[in-house]
Protein backbone atom coordinates (compact mmCIF):
# COMPACT_ATOMS: atom_id res chain seq x y z
CA UNK A 1 237.61 345.58 -33.01
CA UNK A 2 234.54 346.60 -31.76
CA UNK A 3 233.97 347.13 -29.14
CA UNK A 4 237.79 347.13 -27.57
CA UNK A 5 239.93 349.61 -25.91
CA UNK A 6 242.38 351.18 -28.03
CA UNK A 7 245.41 349.18 -26.93
CA UNK A 8 243.21 346.80 -25.55
CA UNK A 9 245.82 343.47 -26.37
CA UNK A 10 243.53 341.33 -24.39
CA UNK A 11 241.09 340.48 -26.66
CA UNK A 12 242.24 339.65 -29.79
CA UNK A 13 244.92 337.44 -27.39
CA UNK A 14 241.78 335.55 -26.54
CA UNK A 15 241.11 335.18 -30.51
CA UNK A 16 244.30 333.90 -31.29
CA UNK A 17 244.07 331.51 -27.90
CA UNK A 18 240.40 330.12 -29.38
CA UNK A 19 241.30 330.59 -33.11
CA UNK A 20 244.84 327.84 -32.70
CA UNK A 21 242.32 325.97 -30.09
CA UNK A 22 239.94 325.44 -32.98
CA UNK A 23 243.09 324.32 -35.03
CA UNK A 24 244.14 321.94 -33.69
CA UNK A 25 241.28 320.73 -33.20
CA UNK A 26 241.36 319.96 -36.36
CA UNK A 27 244.55 319.09 -36.61
CA UNK A 28 243.51 316.24 -34.65
CA UNK A 29 240.19 315.10 -36.13
CA UNK A 30 243.17 314.67 -39.25
CA UNK A 31 245.53 312.52 -37.41
CA UNK A 32 243.11 310.22 -35.92
CA UNK A 33 241.34 309.61 -39.28
CA UNK A 34 245.16 308.06 -40.22
CA UNK A 35 245.42 306.40 -37.33
CA UNK A 36 241.94 305.01 -38.32
CA UNK A 37 243.50 303.47 -41.55
CA UNK A 38 246.66 302.55 -39.58
CA UNK A 39 248.99 305.57 -41.14
CA UNK A 40 249.48 306.64 -38.10
CA UNK A 41 250.87 304.94 -34.35
CA UNK A 42 248.43 304.53 -31.35
CA UNK A 43 249.62 306.97 -28.94
CA UNK A 44 249.88 310.16 -31.53
CA UNK A 45 246.91 312.35 -29.01
CA UNK A 46 249.73 312.75 -26.61
CA UNK A 47 252.29 314.06 -28.69
CA UNK A 48 252.14 318.29 -28.91
CA UNK A 49 250.97 319.84 -32.10
CA UNK A 50 254.90 319.60 -33.89
CA UNK A 51 254.91 316.27 -33.78
CA UNK A 52 251.33 315.61 -34.88
CA UNK A 53 252.60 317.45 -37.86
CA UNK A 54 255.30 315.69 -38.53
CA UNK A 55 252.98 312.54 -38.31
CA UNK A 56 250.26 314.28 -40.47
CA UNK A 57 253.71 314.52 -43.16
CA UNK A 58 254.69 310.93 -42.96
CA UNK A 59 251.67 310.16 -43.58
CA UNK A 60 250.75 311.83 -46.04
CA UNK A 61 254.04 311.39 -47.74
CA UNK A 62 253.00 307.29 -48.11
CA UNK A 63 249.73 308.70 -50.07
CA UNK A 64 249.59 309.67 -53.56
CA UNK A 65 252.15 312.19 -54.34
CA UNK A 66 249.71 314.34 -56.05
CA UNK A 67 248.49 315.73 -52.34
CA UNK A 68 251.71 316.53 -51.10
CA UNK A 69 252.76 319.78 -52.75
CA UNK A 70 249.15 321.50 -51.09
CA UNK A 71 250.50 319.70 -47.17
CA UNK A 72 254.21 320.79 -48.23
CA UNK A 73 252.51 324.85 -48.15
CA UNK A 74 250.14 324.48 -45.15
CA UNK A 75 252.80 322.18 -43.13
CA UNK A 76 255.00 325.75 -44.35
CA UNK A 77 252.37 328.52 -43.12
CA UNK A 78 251.29 326.54 -40.67
CA UNK A 79 254.56 326.10 -38.44
CA UNK A 80 255.18 330.05 -38.67
CA UNK A 81 252.14 330.72 -37.18
CA UNK A 82 252.23 328.25 -34.44
CA UNK A 83 256.45 330.24 -33.95
CA UNK A 84 254.18 333.44 -33.36
CA UNK A 85 251.90 331.43 -31.55
CA UNK A 86 254.38 330.54 -28.81
CA UNK A 87 255.81 333.37 -29.05
CA UNK A 88 252.66 335.39 -27.36
CA UNK A 89 251.36 332.22 -25.24
CA UNK A 90 254.75 331.46 -23.47
CA UNK A 91 255.86 334.88 -23.24
CA UNK A 92 254.98 337.90 -21.37
CA UNK A 93 252.79 340.08 -23.13
CA UNK A 94 253.22 343.57 -21.58
CA UNK A 95 251.55 346.87 -22.11
CA UNK A 96 252.31 348.85 -25.03
CA UNK A 97 252.49 345.31 -26.86
CA UNK A 98 256.40 344.30 -25.43
CA UNK A 99 256.55 340.27 -25.05
CA UNK A 100 259.07 339.44 -23.03
CA UNK A 101 260.37 336.00 -22.83
CA UNK A 102 262.22 334.56 -19.28
CA UNK A 103 264.60 333.07 -21.67
CA UNK A 104 267.82 333.77 -21.81
CA UNK A 105 269.38 336.25 -24.69
CA UNK A 106 265.52 335.60 -25.43
CA UNK A 107 264.88 338.68 -27.70
CA UNK A 108 262.18 341.16 -26.41
CA UNK A 109 259.59 341.37 -29.52
CA UNK A 110 256.71 343.95 -30.12
CA UNK A 111 253.07 342.72 -31.05
CA UNK A 112 249.83 345.47 -31.58
CA UNK A 113 246.08 345.06 -32.03
CA UNK A 114 246.56 344.84 -35.18
CA UNK A 115 249.51 342.49 -35.41
CA UNK A 116 246.93 339.92 -33.45
CA UNK A 117 243.54 340.20 -34.92
CA UNK A 118 246.00 339.55 -38.27
CA UNK A 119 247.21 335.78 -36.99
CA UNK A 120 244.16 335.28 -35.64
CA UNK A 121 242.65 335.65 -38.82
CA UNK A 122 245.10 333.79 -40.36
CA UNK A 123 245.42 330.56 -38.10
CA UNK A 124 241.71 330.60 -38.84
CA UNK A 125 241.81 330.80 -42.55
CA UNK A 126 244.38 328.10 -42.61
CA UNK A 127 242.30 325.26 -40.39
CA UNK A 128 240.07 326.15 -42.77
CA UNK A 129 242.26 325.56 -45.92
CA UNK A 130 243.41 322.43 -43.81
CA UNK A 131 239.86 321.42 -43.06
CA UNK A 132 239.48 321.22 -47.04
CA UNK A 133 242.25 319.80 -47.42
CA UNK A 134 241.38 316.85 -46.00
CA UNK A 135 237.92 316.11 -47.21
CA UNK A 136 238.88 316.79 -50.79
CA UNK A 137 242.27 315.41 -51.13
CA UNK A 138 242.46 312.95 -48.71
CA UNK A 139 239.06 311.65 -47.82
CA UNK A 140 238.66 309.85 -50.82
CA UNK A 141 242.29 308.49 -50.83
CA UNK A 142 241.33 306.57 -46.75
CA UNK A 143 238.17 305.45 -48.19
CA UNK A 144 239.92 303.55 -50.79
CA UNK A 145 242.43 302.56 -48.08
CA UNK A 146 238.85 301.31 -45.86
CA UNK A 147 236.90 299.78 -47.83
CA UNK A 148 237.35 295.98 -48.21
CA UNK A 149 237.46 293.90 -51.18
CA UNK A 150 234.38 292.58 -51.76
CA UNK A 151 235.62 289.35 -52.99
CA UNK A 152 237.24 288.89 -50.07
CA UNK A 153 233.99 290.05 -47.25
CA UNK A 154 231.90 286.99 -48.66
CA UNK A 155 234.99 284.90 -48.89
CA UNK A 156 234.38 285.22 -44.53
CA UNK A 157 231.04 285.01 -44.56
CA UNK A 158 231.27 281.81 -46.49
CA UNK A 159 232.69 280.53 -43.45
């Protein structure tokens, strides 16, 4: 990383945090869009990320079968990224890249600048693939759900 000191874990940890924030924002936009067409309950914003992912999966299962395999791959990948991020964020990052947890029986883990940069990039790339999936595969299906049939809207205006 340009400008970072050798072994400086804080900067790449910041990238992990920043990129995950952007990924969660994209997830929120996706779930909000699903809620707008009635596929997700109104109380979704208070849910943690893992539950939002479950809501997303449940909503997509109601759509065409052809869109499910890519979602399954995205969800599988993000669960691993979320687990890795949670170890960092909820653990204690010490010098030398040691990550310890206050939880009894938790195993000490190690990380490095390279590991953190890789994780930050993986999270960013996942967010981009989620955005592309939503825009290219799901939005056209949601647009069909959002459209009122022409003859119904005419009936309403006639009174």
